[in-house]
Amino acid sequence: MLNVYLAGEIHSNWREEIIQLCEKEKLDVKFTSPVTDHEASDNCGVEILGPEERNILKDRKGANINAIRTKKYI
């Protein structure tokens, strides 16, 4: 099995197209990708670690959680 991380922009359905084409060809590929739900991605830090009074700290928490996830999949 080949593991592929689908990095890149999250505003279109290009990932789904690739996955569907690979499934159609019966390729043995496992796909992972960043969180493509913007709100979920932005809020994951405060959802896991608790609220922040300042947006910069909220954003930093989210970015750090997302970075851990990305490093694991890559």
N, C-alpha and C. Protein backbone atom coordinates (compact mmCIF):
# COMPACT_ATOMS: atom_id res chain seq x y z
N MET A 1 0.84 -1.18 0.00
CA MET A 1 0.00 0.00 0.00
C MET A 1 0.88 1.24 0.00
N LEU A 2 0.51 2.20 -0.80
CA LEU A 2 1.20 3.48 -0.88
C LEU A 2 0.44 4.49 -0.03
N ASN A 3 1.15 5.23 0.82
CA ASN A 3 0.54 6.29 1.62
C ASN A 3 0.85 7.63 0.97
N VAL A 4 -0.20 8.43 0.71
CA VAL A 4 -0.04 9.72 0.03
C VAL A 4 -0.71 10.80 0.86
N TYR A 5 0.05 11.85 1.16
CA TYR A 5 -0.49 13.02 1.86
C TYR A 5 -0.83 14.07 0.82
N LEU A 6 -2.10 14.47 0.77
CA LEU A 6 -2.58 15.42 -0.23
C LEU A 6 -2.53 16.84 0.32
N ALA A 7 -1.34 17.43 0.29
CA ALA A 7 -1.15 18.80 0.76
C ALA A 7 -1.67 19.78 -0.29
N GLY A 8 -1.95 20.99 0.12
CA GLY A 8 -2.36 22.01 -0.83
C GLY A 8 -3.62 22.73 -0.41
N GLU A 9 -4.11 23.57 -1.30
CA GLU A 9 -5.25 24.42 -0.98
C GLU A 9 -6.49 23.58 -0.62
N ILE A 10 -7.35 24.19 0.19
CA ILE A 10 -8.49 23.43 0.73
C ILE A 10 -9.83 23.96 0.23
N HIS A 11 -9.82 24.76 -0.82
CA HIS A 11 -11.06 25.41 -1.25
C HIS A 11 -11.72 24.78 -2.47
N SER A 12 -11.18 23.68 -2.94
CA SER A 12 -11.80 22.98 -4.07
C SER A 12 -11.81 21.48 -3.78
N ASN A 13 -12.37 20.72 -4.69
CA ASN A 13 -12.53 19.28 -4.44
C ASN A 13 -11.48 18.43 -5.16
N TRP A 14 -10.30 18.96 -5.43
CA TRP A 14 -9.29 18.21 -6.16
C TRP A 14 -8.89 16.92 -5.45
N ARG A 15 -8.93 16.91 -4.12
CA ARG A 15 -8.59 15.69 -3.38
C ARG A 15 -9.58 14.57 -3.70
N GLU A 16 -10.85 14.90 -3.65
CA GLU A 16 -11.88 13.90 -3.93
C GLU A 16 -11.74 13.34 -5.34
N GLU A 17 -11.38 14.20 -6.29
CA GLU A 17 -11.19 13.74 -7.66
C GLU A 17 -10.05 12.72 -7.75
N ILE A 18 -8.94 13.01 -7.10
CA ILE A 18 -7.80 12.08 -7.11
C ILE A 18 -8.17 10.77 -6.44
N ILE A 19 -8.82 10.85 -5.29
CA ILE A 19 -9.21 9.64 -4.57
C ILE A 19 -10.16 8.79 -5.42
N GLN A 20 -11.14 9.42 -6.03
CA GLN A 20 -12.09 8.68 -6.86
C GLN A 20 -11.41 8.03 -8.06
N LEU A 21 -10.49 8.73 -8.71
CA LEU A 21 -9.78 8.15 -9.85
C LEU A 21 -8.94 6.95 -9.43
N CYS A 22 -8.29 7.05 -8.27
CA CYS A 22 -7.49 5.93 -7.78
C CYS A 22 -8.37 4.74 -7.41
N GLU A 23 -9.51 5.01 -6.79
CA GLU A 23 -10.46 3.94 -6.48
C GLU A 23 -10.96 3.27 -7.75
N LYS A 24 -11.25 4.06 -8.76
CA LYS A 24 -11.73 3.53 -10.04
C LYS A 24 -10.71 2.59 -10.66
N GLU A 25 -9.43 2.94 -10.52
CA GLU A 25 -8.35 2.12 -11.06
C GLU A 25 -7.93 1.00 -10.10
N LYS A 26 -8.60 0.92 -8.95
CA LYS A 26 -8.32 -0.08 -7.93
C LYS A 26 -6.85 -0.06 -7.45
N LEU A 27 -6.35 1.15 -7.29
CA LEU A 27 -4.99 1.33 -6.80
C LEU A 27 -4.97 1.17 -5.29
N ASP A 28 -3.93 0.58 -4.79
CA ASP A 28 -3.79 0.35 -3.35
C ASP A 28 -3.10 1.55 -2.72
N VAL A 29 -3.89 2.60 -2.49
CA VAL A 29 -3.37 3.86 -1.98
C VAL A 29 -4.21 4.30 -0.79
N LYS A 30 -3.52 4.75 0.27
CA LYS A 30 -4.19 5.34 1.43
C LYS A 30 -3.88 6.83 1.42
N PHE A 31 -4.92 7.65 1.47
CA PHE A 31 -4.74 9.10 1.42
C PHE A 31 -4.98 9.73 2.78
N THR A 32 -4.16 10.72 3.10
CA THR A 32 -4.39 11.60 4.24
C THR A 32 -4.23 13.03 3.74
N SER A 33 -4.74 13.97 4.52
CA SER A 33 -4.69 15.36 4.08
C SER A 33 -4.88 16.27 5.29
N PRO A 34 -4.65 17.58 5.08
CA PRO A 34 -4.95 18.51 6.16
C PRO A 34 -6.46 18.56 6.40
N VAL A 35 -6.84 19.13 7.52
CA VAL A 35 -8.26 19.33 7.80
C VAL A 35 -8.77 20.34 6.77
N THR A 36 -9.79 19.96 6.03
CA THR A 36 -10.30 20.84 4.97
C THR A 36 -11.51 21.65 5.40
N ASP A 37 -11.98 21.46 6.61
CA ASP A 37 -13.05 22.28 7.17
C ASP A 37 -12.38 23.44 7.90
N HIS A 38 -12.46 24.64 7.31
CA HIS A 38 -11.74 25.80 7.84
C HIS A 38 -12.04 26.06 9.31
N GLU A 39 -13.30 26.04 9.68
CA GLU A 39 -13.68 26.32 11.07
C GLU A 39 -13.11 25.28 12.02
N ALA A 40 -13.20 24.03 11.64
CA ALA A 40 -12.65 22.95 12.48
C ALA A 40 -11.14 23.10 12.62
N SER A 41 -10.48 23.43 11.52
CA SER A 41 -9.03 23.62 11.56
C SER A 41 -8.65 24.79 12.46
N ASP A 42 -9.35 25.90 12.31
CA ASP A 42 -9.04 27.09 13.11
C ASP A 42 -9.32 26.89 14.59
N ASN A 43 -10.34 26.10 14.91
CA ASN A 43 -10.77 25.96 16.31
C ASN A 43 -10.24 24.72 17.02
N CYS A 44 -9.45 23.89 16.35
CA CYS A 44 -9.02 22.64 16.99
C CYS A 44 -8.21 22.88 18.26
N GLY A 45 -7.40 23.91 18.29
CA GLY A 45 -6.58 24.18 19.48
C GLY A 45 -7.41 24.49 20.70
N VAL A 46 -8.41 25.38 20.55
CA VAL A 46 -9.23 25.74 21.70
C VAL A 46 -10.21 24.63 22.06
N GLU A 47 -10.60 23.83 21.08
CA GLU A 47 -11.47 22.69 21.37
C GLU A 47 -10.74 21.65 22.22
N ILE A 48 -9.46 21.47 21.98
CA ILE A 48 -8.68 20.46 22.71
C ILE A 48 -8.07 21.03 23.99
N LEU A 49 -7.51 22.25 23.91
CA LEU A 49 -6.73 22.80 25.02
C LEU A 49 -7.43 23.89 25.82
N GLY A 50 -8.61 24.31 25.38
CA GLY A 50 -9.35 25.33 26.11
C GLY A 50 -9.29 26.69 25.45
N PRO A 51 -10.20 27.58 25.87
CA PRO A 51 -10.34 28.89 25.23
C PRO A 51 -9.17 29.83 25.49
N GLU A 52 -9.07 30.83 24.62
CA GLU A 52 -8.07 31.90 24.75
C GLU A 52 -8.79 33.24 24.68
N GLU A 53 -8.27 34.22 25.39
CA GLU A 53 -8.86 35.55 25.36
C GLU A 53 -8.48 36.31 24.09
N ARG A 54 -7.29 36.06 23.58
CA ARG A 54 -6.79 36.79 22.40
C ARG A 54 -6.76 35.87 21.19
N ASN A 55 -7.19 36.40 20.05
CA ASN A 55 -7.23 35.61 18.82
C ASN A 55 -5.87 35.10 18.39
N ILE A 56 -4.83 35.88 18.62
CA ILE A 56 -3.49 35.43 18.22
C ILE A 56 -3.11 34.14 18.94
N LEU A 57 -3.50 34.05 20.21
CA LEU A 57 -3.20 32.83 20.97
C LEU A 57 -4.08 31.67 20.51
N LYS A 58 -5.33 31.96 20.19
CA LYS A 58 -6.23 30.95 19.64
C LYS A 58 -5.66 30.40 18.33
N ASP A 59 -5.22 31.31 17.45
CA ASP A 59 -4.66 30.90 16.17
C ASP A 59 -3.38 30.08 16.35
N ARG A 60 -2.56 30.49 17.31
CA ARG A 60 -1.31 29.75 17.56
C ARG A 60 -1.60 28.33 18.04
N LYS A 61 -2.58 28.18 18.93
CA LYS A 61 -2.95 26.84 19.40
C LYS A 61 -3.39 25.98 18.23
N GLY A 62 -4.27 26.52 17.38
CA GLY A 62 -4.74 25.77 16.24
C GLY A 62 -3.62 25.39 15.30
N ALA A 63 -2.75 26.33 15.02
CA ALA A 63 -1.62 26.07 14.11
C ALA A 63 -0.70 24.99 14.67
N ASN A 64 -0.45 25.03 15.97
CA ASN A 64 0.43 24.02 16.58
C ASN A 64 -0.19 22.63 16.55
N ILE A 65 -1.48 22.53 16.83
CA ILE A 65 -2.16 21.23 16.76
C ILE A 65 -2.15 20.72 15.32
N ASN A 66 -2.45 21.60 14.36
CA ASN A 66 -2.45 21.20 12.96
C ASN A 66 -1.05 20.78 12.50
N ALA A 67 -0.01 21.44 13.01
CA ALA A 67 1.36 21.09 12.64
C ALA A 67 1.72 19.69 13.13
N ILE A 68 1.29 19.34 14.33
CA ILE A 68 1.54 17.99 14.86
C ILE A 68 0.89 16.96 13.96
N ARG A 69 -0.35 17.21 13.59
CA ARG A 69 -1.09 16.29 12.73
C ARG A 69 -0.40 16.14 11.37
N THR A 70 0.00 17.28 10.78
CA THR A 70 0.65 17.25 9.47
C THR A 70 1.95 16.48 9.53
N LYS A 71 2.78 16.74 10.53
CA LYS A 71 4.06 16.03 10.66
C LYS A 71 3.86 14.53 10.80
N LYS A 72 2.83 14.13 11.53
CA LYS A 72 2.55 12.71 11.70
C LYS A 72 2.23 12.05 10.37
N TYR A 73 1.38 12.71 9.58
CA TYR A 73 0.96 12.11 8.30
C TYR A 73 2.03 12.15 7.24
N ILE A 74 2.90 13.17 7.27
CA ILE A 74 3.97 13.24 6.28
C ILE A 74 5.07 12.27 6.68
